[in-house]
Structure formats: structure tokens, C-alpha cells
N, C-alpha and C. Protein backbone atom coordinates (compact mmCIF):
# COMPACT_ATOMS: atom_id res chain seq x y z
N UNK A 1 40.29 96.48 110.38
CA UNK A 1 39.70 97.78 111.01
C UNK A 1 39.15 97.53 112.57
N UNK A 2 38.26 96.28 112.58
CA UNK A 2 37.91 96.55 114.13
C UNK A 2 38.98 96.27 115.24
N UNK A 3 39.97 95.93 114.81
CA UNK A 3 40.89 95.97 116.10
C UNK A 3 41.42 97.15 116.44
N UNK A 4 41.10 98.47 115.65
CA UNK A 4 41.32 99.80 115.97
C UNK A 4 40.65 100.58 116.91
N UNK A 5 39.39 99.88 117.11
CA UNK A 5 38.33 100.22 117.82
C UNK A 5 38.27 100.01 119.58
N UNK A 6 38.09 100.56 120.20
CA UNK A 6 37.80 100.29 121.60
C UNK A 6 36.35 99.30 121.79
N UNK A 7 36.21 98.47 122.38
CA UNK A 7 35.07 97.53 122.23
C UNK A 7 33.87 98.35 122.69
N UNK A 8 33.98 99.50 123.34
CA UNK A 8 32.86 100.27 123.67
C UNK A 8 32.75 101.57 122.78
N UNK A 9 33.40 101.55 121.80
CA UNK A 9 33.50 102.83 120.73
C UNK A 9 32.16 103.26 120.57
N UNK A 10 31.97 104.60 119.87
CA UNK A 10 30.93 104.77 119.28
C UNK A 10 31.03 105.74 117.74
N UNK A 11 30.06 105.65 117.13
CA UNK A 11 30.25 106.50 116.03
C UNK A 11 29.06 107.40 115.98
N UNK A 12 29.13 108.51 115.91
CA UNK A 12 28.02 109.63 115.87
C UNK A 12 26.94 109.31 116.82
N UNK A 13 27.69 108.93 118.10
CA UNK A 13 26.67 108.49 119.12
C UNK A 13 26.09 107.17 119.21
N UNK A 14 26.24 106.41 118.32
CA UNK A 14 25.93 105.11 118.36
C UNK A 14 26.85 103.94 118.33
N UNK A 15 26.18 102.73 118.56
CA UNK A 15 27.67 101.32 118.92
C UNK A 15 28.36 101.61 117.61
N UNK A 16 29.62 101.38 117.80
CA UNK A 16 30.63 101.42 116.59
C UNK A 16 30.23 100.02 115.60
N UNK A 17 29.37 99.08 116.24
CA UNK A 17 29.04 98.08 115.28
C UNK A 17 28.20 98.27 113.95
N UNK A 18 27.62 99.74 114.32
CA UNK A 18 26.77 100.23 113.12
C UNK A 18 27.75 100.62 111.93
N UNK A 19 29.11 100.92 112.32
CA UNK A 19 30.25 101.30 111.19
C UNK A 19 30.40 99.87 110.42
N UNK A 20 30.90 99.16 111.41
CA UNK A 20 31.45 97.55 110.77
C UNK A 20 30.32 96.75 109.69
N UNK A 21 28.92 97.05 110.28
CA UNK A 21 27.80 96.46 109.46
C UNK A 21 27.72 97.15 108.07
N UNK A 22 27.88 98.85 108.02
CA UNK A 22 27.77 99.51 107.10
C UNK A 22 28.92 99.42 106.02
N UNK A 23 30.04 99.18 106.39
CA UNK A 23 31.13 98.72 105.64
C UNK A 23 31.10 97.31 104.89
N UNK A 24 30.91 96.31 105.68
CA UNK A 24 30.31 95.54 105.24
C UNK A 24 29.40 95.38 104.23
N UNK A 25 28.38 95.72 104.11
CA UNK A 25 27.38 95.81 103.39
C UNK A 25 27.64 96.87 102.01
N UNK A 26 28.25 97.69 102.19
CA UNK A 26 28.81 98.49 101.17
C UNK A 26 29.79 98.08 100.33
N UNK A 27 31.00 97.32 100.67
CA UNK A 27 31.96 96.88 99.98
C UNK A 27 33.09 97.63 100.04
N UNK A 28 33.94 97.47 98.70
CA UNK A 28 34.96 98.35 98.51
C UNK A 28 34.91 99.74 98.02
N UNK A 29 35.64 100.45 98.24
CA UNK A 29 35.52 101.82 97.55
C UNK A 29 36.85 102.47 97.22
N UNK A 30 36.80 103.14 96.32
CA UNK A 30 38.08 103.75 96.11
C UNK A 30 38.08 105.06 96.77
N UNK A 31 38.16 105.17 98.17
CA UNK A 31 38.39 106.15 98.86
C UNK A 31 39.65 106.61 99.41
N UNK A 32 39.91 108.09 99.31
CA UNK A 32 41.45 108.43 99.54
C UNK A 32 40.84 109.19 101.00
N UNK A 33 42.18 108.87 101.88
CA UNK A 33 41.78 109.69 103.08
C UNK A 33 43.30 110.20 103.64
N UNK A 34 43.35 111.38 104.05
CA UNK A 34 44.61 112.00 104.66
C UNK A 34 44.32 112.55 106.06
N UNK A 35 45.12 112.30 107.07
CA UNK A 35 45.09 112.94 108.25
C UNK A 35 45.57 114.60 107.98
N UNK A 36 44.55 115.37 108.21
CA UNK A 36 44.86 116.81 108.28
C UNK A 36 45.20 117.44 109.71
N UNK A 37 44.76 116.91 110.72
CA UNK A 37 45.07 117.38 112.22
C UNK A 37 45.61 115.99 112.93
N UNK A 38 46.67 116.42 113.70
CA UNK A 38 46.79 115.51 114.73
C UNK A 38 47.20 115.96 116.12
N UNK A 39 46.62 115.77 117.16
CA UNK A 39 46.92 116.55 118.18
C UNK A 39 47.01 115.79 119.53
N UNK A 40 48.37 115.46 119.89
CA UNK A 40 48.43 114.50 121.03
C UNK A 40 48.68 115.15 122.56
N UNK A 41 48.09 114.79 123.33
CA UNK A 41 48.38 115.18 124.65
C UNK A 41 48.51 113.92 125.69
N UNK A 42 49.83 113.46 126.11
CA UNK A 42 50.10 112.20 126.77
C UNK A 42 49.08 111.04 126.54
N UNK A 43 48.19 110.42 127.12
CA UNK A 43 47.53 109.14 126.85
C UNK A 43 46.57 109.52 125.81
N UNK A 44 46.04 110.74 125.17
CA UNK A 44 44.74 110.82 124.22
C UNK A 44 45.31 111.64 123.14
N UNK A 45 44.42 111.44 122.14
CA UNK A 45 44.75 112.33 120.95
C UNK A 45 43.47 112.53 120.17
N UNK A 46 43.36 113.71 119.28
CA UNK A 46 42.21 113.70 118.54
C UNK A 46 42.87 113.86 116.95
N UNK A 47 42.30 113.14 116.11
CA UNK A 47 42.69 113.19 114.74
C UNK A 47 41.41 113.64 113.78
N UNK A 48 41.83 114.70 112.93
CA UNK A 48 40.83 114.91 111.89
C UNK A 48 41.23 114.43 110.78
N UNK A 49 40.35 113.65 109.69
CA UNK A 49 40.50 112.95 108.44
C UNK A 49 39.74 113.49 107.62
N UNK A 50 40.14 113.76 106.47
CA UNK A 50 39.49 114.28 105.40
C UNK A 50 39.46 113.03 104.23
N UNK A 51 37.96 112.47 104.10
CA UNK A 51 37.88 111.23 103.32
C UNK A 51 37.39 111.75 101.98
N UNK A 52 37.90 111.39 100.71
CA UNK A 52 37.16 111.76 99.60
C UNK A 52 36.90 110.52 98.57
N UNK A 53 35.72 110.64 97.96
CA UNK A 53 35.34 109.88 96.90
C UNK A 53 34.78 108.46 97.70
N UNK A 54 34.22 108.51 98.59
CA UNK A 54 33.87 107.03 99.44
C UNK A 54 32.28 107.15 98.53
N UNK A 55 32.32 106.10 97.87
CA UNK A 55 31.18 106.05 96.81
C UNK A 55 30.46 107.51 96.61
N UNK A 56 31.54 108.27 95.59
CA UNK A 56 31.25 109.45 95.44
C UNK A 56 31.00 110.77 96.36
N UNK A 57 30.99 110.35 97.51
CA UNK A 57 30.63 111.39 98.43
C UNK A 57 32.10 111.60 99.46
N UNK A 58 31.91 112.74 100.02
CA UNK A 58 33.18 113.36 100.69
C UNK A 58 32.81 113.39 102.42
N UNK A 59 33.77 112.98 103.48
CA UNK A 59 33.55 113.25 104.41
C UNK A 59 34.58 113.96 105.28
N UNK A 60 34.24 114.49 106.23
CA UNK A 60 35.28 114.80 107.43
C UNK A 60 35.20 114.11 108.85
N UNK A 61 36.02 113.16 109.12
CA UNK A 61 35.83 112.29 110.31
C UNK A 61 36.80 112.71 111.67
N UNK A 62 36.20 112.92 112.56
CA UNK A 62 36.99 113.06 113.91
C UNK A 62 37.15 111.92 114.80
N UNK A 63 38.29 111.32 115.14
CA UNK A 63 38.63 110.41 115.47
C UNK A 63 39.20 110.78 117.32
N UNK A 64 38.68 110.25 118.36
CA UNK A 64 39.38 110.38 119.50
C UNK A 64 39.78 108.85 120.04
N UNK A 65 41.25 109.06 120.37
CA UNK A 65 42.02 107.95 120.81
C UNK A 65 42.28 108.10 122.06
N UNK A 66 42.50 106.68 122.94
CA UNK A 66 42.93 106.89 124.19
C UNK A 66 44.20 105.74 124.28
N UNK A 67 45.03 105.78 124.98
CA UNK A 67 46.35 104.99 124.98
C UNK A 67 45.84 104.33 126.21
N UNK A 68 45.91 102.93 126.33
CA UNK A 68 45.89 101.92 127.65
C UNK A 68 46.83 100.78 127.38
N UNK A 69 46.86 99.87 128.35
CA UNK A 69 47.70 98.99 128.31
C UNK A 69 47.63 97.92 127.00
N UNK A 70 46.58 98.16 126.27
CA UNK A 70 46.46 97.51 125.01
C UNK A 70 47.05 98.40 123.77
N UNK A 71 47.42 99.46 123.98
CA UNK A 71 47.90 100.57 123.07
C UNK A 71 46.65 101.59 122.50
N UNK A 72 46.89 102.26 121.44
CA UNK A 72 45.82 103.49 121.11
C UNK A 72 44.86 102.65 120.52
N UNK A 73 43.45 103.15 120.99
CA UNK A 73 42.15 102.61 120.61
C UNK A 73 41.18 103.89 120.34
N UNK A 74 40.72 103.78 119.05
CA UNK A 74 39.56 104.88 118.75
C UNK A 74 38.60 104.54 119.76
N UNK A 75 38.08 105.45 120.53
CA UNK A 75 36.99 105.33 121.54
C UNK A 75 35.66 106.10 121.08
N UNK A 76 35.92 107.19 120.30
CA UNK A 76 34.78 107.77 119.48
C UNK A 76 35.13 108.39 118.02
N UNK A 77 34.04 108.03 116.88
CA UNK A 77 34.28 108.66 115.78
C UNK A 77 33.26 109.47 115.35
N UNK A 78 33.34 110.67 114.84
CA UNK A 78 32.20 111.38 114.63
C UNK A 78 32.35 111.75 112.82
N UNK A 79 31.65 112.12 112.20
CA UNK A 79 31.73 112.32 110.82
C UNK A 79 30.73 113.02 110.14
N UNK A 80 30.78 114.41 109.26
CA UNK A 80 29.96 114.72 108.36
C UNK A 80 30.35 114.95 106.99
N UNK A 81 29.30 115.19 106.36
CA UNK A 81 29.71 115.15 104.65
C UNK A 81 30.02 116.76 104.46
N UNK A 82 30.61 116.86 103.33
CA UNK A 82 30.81 118.17 102.91
C UNK A 82 31.10 118.18 101.33
């Protein structure tokens, strides 16, 4: 998972390391995810992902990606529960 993110990526405005630490602490989950929206324009893209049953909770994630010499990297992730 770490390799998908740019080194300066953020999650809800915080450093992405927050996500990595939370996932490590939480452990495995039976989460189911699906891509609902994929919008690509040249070297940028926005993706909306619905995640269901992440430890009994559901979330909508938005990922913003940019393509550079290393390929596509997530530069920002925001999420909210539903």
C-alpha cells in the first residue's frame, strides 16, 4: 500500500503516515471496495471509492493522483463515513 502513495501525500489534510499507522494498528478487515468514479485528464485523475464493512463501518474515499516519472501516485486521500 505504501508504494501507491507519493512521499508527501496527505489523508484528510494530515501526513499519510497517519493512514499507515492506523492500518497497521487495526489489522486485517473484511472490507469490500469498489471504484464508483474514475476521471482522468492527462497526468491527473480523481477516483471515488466506496468501502463497505471496514470493521463494521462504511466510507466514501476520494483519491487524487498525479502521474510523474515514477508512474501514478496518490497525492491526496480524503474520506467520510456514511
